[in-house]
Every structure is written in structure tokens, then in C-alpha cells.
C-alpha atoms as a PDB file:
ATOM      1  CA  UNK A   1      75.689  21.465  15.272  1.00  0.00           C
ATOM      2  CA  UNK A   2      77.659  18.298  16.170  1.00  0.00           C
ATOM      3  CA  UNK A   3      80.527  16.867  14.391  1.00  0.00           C
ATOM      4  CA  UNK A   4      81.850  13.506  15.716  1.00  0.00           C
ATOM      5  CA  UNK A   5      79.428  14.039  18.621  1.00  0.00           C
ATOM      6  CA  UNK A   6      81.333  17.160  19.716  1.00  0.00           C
ATOM      7  CA  UNK A   7      79.239  20.251  20.102  1.00  0.00           C
ATOM      8  CA  UNK A   8      80.222  23.890  19.277  1.00  0.00           C
ATOM      9  CA  UNK A   9      81.162  24.778  22.938  1.00  0.00           C
ATOM     10  CA  UNK A  10      83.265  21.648  23.407  1.00  0.00           C
ATOM     11  CA  UNK A  11      84.989  22.259  20.058  1.00  0.00           C
ATOM     12  CA  UNK A  12      85.749  25.924  21.173  1.00  0.00           C
ATOM     13  CA  UNK A  13      87.154  24.544  24.453  1.00  0.00           C
ATOM     14  CA  UNK A  14      89.427  22.103  22.627  1.00  0.00           C
ATOM     15  CA  UNK A  15      90.774  24.881  20.411  1.00  0.00           C
ATOM     16  CA  UNK A  16      91.375  27.101  23.369  1.00  0.00           C
ATOM     17  CA  UNK A  17      93.356  24.306  25.156  1.00  0.00           C
ATOM     18  CA  UNK A  18      95.373  23.564  21.939  1.00  0.00           C
ATOM     19  CA  UNK A  19      96.176  27.348  21.633  1.00  0.00           C
ATOM     20  CA  UNK A  20      97.289  27.474  25.329  1.00  0.00           C
ATOM     21  CA  UNK A  21      99.387  24.403  25.144  1.00  0.00           C
ATOM     22  CA  UNK A  22     100.929  24.569  21.740  1.00  0.00           C
ATOM     23  CA  UNK A  23     101.159  28.279  21.118  1.00  0.00           C
ATOM     24  CA  UNK A  24      99.885  30.273  18.212  1.00  0.00           C
ATOM     25  CA  UNK A  25     102.263  29.017  15.544  1.00  0.00           C
ATOM     26  CA  UNK A  26     102.267  25.258  16.479  1.00  0.00           C
ATOM     27  CA  UNK A  27      98.431  25.516  16.795  1.00  0.00           C
ATOM     28  CA  UNK A  28      97.994  26.489  13.170  1.00  0.00           C
ATOM     29  CA  UNK A  29     100.262  23.654  11.923  1.00  0.00           C
ATOM     30  CA  UNK A  30      98.530  20.970  14.003  1.00  0.00           C
ATOM     31  CA  UNK A  31      95.043  22.254  12.860  1.00  0.00           C
ATOM     32  CA  UNK A  32      96.181  21.926   9.274  1.00  0.00           C
ATOM     33  CA  UNK A  33      97.359  18.300   9.873  1.00  0.00           C
ATOM     34  CA  UNK A  34      94.184  17.436  11.752  1.00  0.00           C
ATOM     35  CA  UNK A  35      92.024  18.918   8.799  1.00  0.00           C
ATOM     36  CA  UNK A  36      94.004  16.787   6.199  1.00  0.00           C
ATOM     37  CA  UNK A  37      93.393  13.590   8.465  1.00  0.00           C
ATOM     38  CA  UNK A  38      89.632  14.290   8.684  1.00  0.00           C
ATOM     39  CA  UNK A  39      89.445  14.939   4.958  1.00  0.00           C
ATOM     40  CA  UNK A  40      91.210  11.676   4.168  1.00  0.00           C
ATOM     41  CA  UNK A  41      89.088   9.744   6.640  1.00  0.00           C
ATOM     42  CA  UNK A  42      85.772  11.226   5.191  1.00  0.00           C
ATOM     43  CA  UNK A  43      86.810  10.107   1.790  1.00  0.00           C
ATOM     44  CA  UNK A  44      87.760   6.633   2.812  1.00  0.00           C
ATOM     45  CA  UNK A  45      85.681   3.548   2.228  1.00  0.00           C
ATOM     46  CA  UNK A  46      85.426   2.980   6.028  1.00  0.00           C
ATOM     47  CA  UNK A  47      83.589   6.250   6.421  1.00  0.00           C
ATOM     48  CA  UNK A  48      81.214   5.413   3.687  1.00  0.00           C
ATOM     49  CA  UNK A  49      80.453   2.030   5.309  1.00  0.00           C
ATOM     50  CA  UNK A  50      79.871   3.867   8.596  1.00  0.00           C
ATOM     51  CA  UNK A  51      77.362   6.461   6.994  1.00  0.00           C
ATOM     52  CA  UNK A  52      75.614   3.787   5.114  1.00  0.00           C
ATOM     53  CA  UNK A  53      75.172   1.571   8.292  1.00  0.00           C
ATOM     54  CA  UNK A  54      74.021   4.570  10.228  1.00  0.00           C
ATOM     55  CA  UNK A  55      71.524   5.363   7.565  1.00  0.00           C
ATOM     56  CA  UNK A  56      70.335   1.749   7.623  1.00  0.00           C
ATOM     57  CA  UNK A  57      69.883   1.866  11.455  1.00  0.00           C
ATOM     58  CA  UNK A  58      67.986   5.126  11.218  1.00  0.00           C
ATOM     59  CA  UNK A  59      65.645   3.610   8.517  1.00  0.00           C
ATOM     60  CA  UNK A  60      64.951   0.374  10.477  1.00  0.00           C
ATOM     61  CA  UNK A  61      61.975   1.546  12.380  1.00  0.00           C
ATOM     62  CA  UNK A  62      60.315   2.689   9.127  1.00  0.00           C
ATOM     63  CA  UNK A  63      61.133  -0.727   7.452  1.00  0.00           C
ATOM     64  CA  UNK A  64      59.713  -2.554  10.515  1.00  0.00           C
ATOM     65  CA  UNK A  65      56.466  -0.396  10.278  1.00  0.00           C
ATOM     66  CA  UNK A  66      56.251  -1.183   6.567  1.00  0.00           C
ATOM     67  CA  UNK A  67      56.535  -4.891   7.267  1.00  0.00           C
ATOM     68  CA  UNK A  68      53.807  -4.628   9.965  1.00  0.00           C
ATOM     69  CA  UNK A  69      51.521  -2.910   7.488  1.00  0.00           C
ATOM     70  CA  UNK A  70      52.221  -5.614   4.860  1.00  0.00           C
ATOM     71  CA  UNK A  71      51.398  -8.306   7.519  1.00  0.00           C
ATOM     72  CA  UNK A  72      48.110  -6.509   8.309  1.00  0.00           C
ATOM     73  CA  UNK A  73      47.253  -6.344   4.629  1.00  0.00           C
ATOM     74  CA  UNK A  74      47.899 -10.044   4.234  1.00  0.00           C
ATOM     75  CA  UNK A  75      45.747 -10.858   7.133  1.00  0.00           C
ATOM     76  CA  UNK A  76      42.937  -8.596   5.702  1.00  0.00           C
ATOM     77  CA  UNK A  77      43.244 -10.428   2.343  1.00  0.00           C
ATOM     78  CA  UNK A  78      43.017 -13.828   4.033  1.00  0.00           C
ATOM     79  CA  UNK A  79      39.887 -12.677   6.052  1.00  0.00           C
ATOM     80  CA  UNK A  80      38.345 -11.393   2.879  1.00  0.00           C
ATOM     81  CA  UNK A  81      39.087 -14.642   0.967  1.00  0.00           C
ATOM     82  CA  UNK A  82      37.564 -16.702   3.805  1.00  0.00           C
ATOM     83  CA  UNK A  83      34.354 -14.555   3.665  1.00  0.00           C
ATOM     84  CA  UNK A  84      34.172 -14.865  -0.071  1.00  0.00           C
ATOM     85  CA  UNK A  85      34.687 -18.693   0.166  1.00  0.00           C
ATOM     86  CA  UNK A  86      31.880 -18.904   2.921  1.00  0.00           C
ATOM     87  CA  UNK A  87      29.572 -16.920   0.641  1.00  0.00           C
ATOM     88  CA  UNK A  88      30.269 -19.084  -2.349  1.00  0.00           C
ATOM     89  CA  UNK A  89      29.807 -22.315  -0.500  1.00  0.00           C
ATOM     90  CA  UNK A  90      26.624 -21.048   1.273  1.00  0.00           C
ATOM     91  CA  UNK A  91      25.220 -19.915  -2.151  1.00  0.00           C
ATOM     92  CA  UNK A  92      25.967 -23.360  -3.642  1.00  0.00           C
ATOM     93  CA  UNK A  93      24.379 -25.080  -0.591  1.00  0.00           C
ATOM     94  CA  UNK A  94      27.626 -26.796   0.428  1.00  0.00           C
ATOM     95  CA  UNK A  95      28.900 -27.156   3.956  1.00  0.00           C
ATOM     96  CA  UNK A  96      31.901 -25.024   4.442  1.00  0.00           C
ATOM     97  CA  UNK A  97      35.143 -26.098   6.153  1.00  0.00           C
ATOM     98  CA  UNK A  98      36.377 -22.899   7.823  1.00  0.00           C
ATOM     99  CA  UNK A  99      40.050 -23.916   7.871  1.00  0.00           C
ATOM    100  CA  UNK A 100      40.104 -24.909   4.132  1.00  0.00           C
ATOM    101  CA  UNK A 101      40.783 -22.318   1.427  1.00  0.00           C
ATOM    102  CA  UNK A 102      40.998 -23.707  -2.056  1.00  0.00           C
ATOM    103  CA  UNK A 103      43.182 -21.871  -4.594  1.00  0.00           C
ATOM    104  CA  UNK A 104      41.526 -21.127  -7.905  1.00  0.00           C
ATOM    105  CA  UNK A 105      43.126 -24.021  -9.716  1.00  0.00           C
ATOM    106  CA  UNK A 106      42.864 -26.516  -7.023  1.00  0.00           C
ATOM    107  CA  UNK A 107      43.089 -30.209  -7.963  1.00  0.00           C
ATOM    108  CA  UNK A 108      40.253 -31.007  -5.527  1.00  0.00           C
ATOM    109  CA  UNK A 109      36.867 -30.400  -7.225  1.00  0.00           C
ATOM    110  CA  UNK A 110      34.214 -28.670  -5.216  1.00  0.00           C
ATOM    111  CA  UNK A 111      31.379 -30.931  -3.929  1.00  0.00           C
ATOM    112  CA  UNK A 112      28.042 -30.672  -5.740  1.00  0.00           C
ATOM    113  CA  UNK A 113      24.883 -30.119  -3.726  1.00  0.00           C
ATOM    114  CA  UNK A 114      22.459 -33.001  -3.420  1.00  0.00           C
ATOM    115  CA  UNK A 115      19.661 -33.236  -5.903  1.00  0.00           C
ATOM    116  CA  UNK A 116      16.419 -31.809  -4.725  1.00  0.00           C
ATOM    117  CA  UNK A 117      13.494 -33.983  -4.285  1.00  0.00           C
ATOM    118  CA  UNK A 118      11.513 -34.466  -7.551  1.00  0.00           C
ATOM    119  CA  UNK A 119      14.579 -34.941  -9.692  1.00  0.00           C
ATOM    120  CA  UNK A 120      14.926 -31.264 -10.667  1.00  0.00           C
ATOM    121  CA  UNK A 121      18.530 -30.190 -11.101  1.00  0.00           C
ATOM    122  CA  UNK A 122      19.298 -26.544 -10.196  1.00  0.00           C
ATOM    123  CA  UNK A 123      21.727 -24.469 -12.102  1.00  0.00           C
ATOM    124  CA  UNK A 124      24.616 -23.044 -10.048  1.00  0.00           C
ATOM    125  CA  UNK A 125      25.291 -19.367 -10.413  1.00  0.00           C
END
């Protein structure tokens, strides 16, 4: 257990030094004052800011990994959209421009295939 990055053995050593330097009566008084200071500090807005910032820093790797997963998902959606557009254009007999993905309500109408010989018009699916 560490409090303020001080382990149990270090804390015991500090108490032992305080007891030797201050004596038994003065050590109890100083310990009470230090306890009050720590209590006030922990209840202060500065401490809350420190705790929140620490929590944000600890969550940073998880947030970065979530963002990476979102990026991978977007790339997968773009690949799927490209494949679907290729299949649609291929089934309609149109040449396909690989770099061009038209949104559903695009102002540019799709090109119609040329009429087959004999004047027969084919219905598009």
C-alpha cells in the first residue's frame, strides 16, 4: 500500500525518526496536525483535479485503442462500400472509377449502359 508514493516501510521509518527527534508527546501533536492538513488537502478542489487528471491519464491508452478500433471499422466500411459500388457498376455494365464513391443522393446521375444491338432495351435490376 502506497500513499503519496510512500510505502509502508518508508512510512514506519518516518514515524520512528519523528518519535526519536520530537519525543513521544510532541510526536502525537505533530501527527494530529499533519492528519488535519492531509484531510483538508484531500477535500480541496486541487486534490479533485489531481485525481481526475490521473484518472484521465490512466484511461488514455484505452481511449487510444478505442479510436484505433473506430478507424479500422471506418476503413472496413469504406472497403465494403467500394466492393458494393464495383458490383453495382459491373452488374449494370458500366465502367467503374475506383476512386469515385457516389453517395446515395448524389447530384451526378449514373451513366446508362449503351443500347445493345438490335434496339432491345434491357431492364436494370
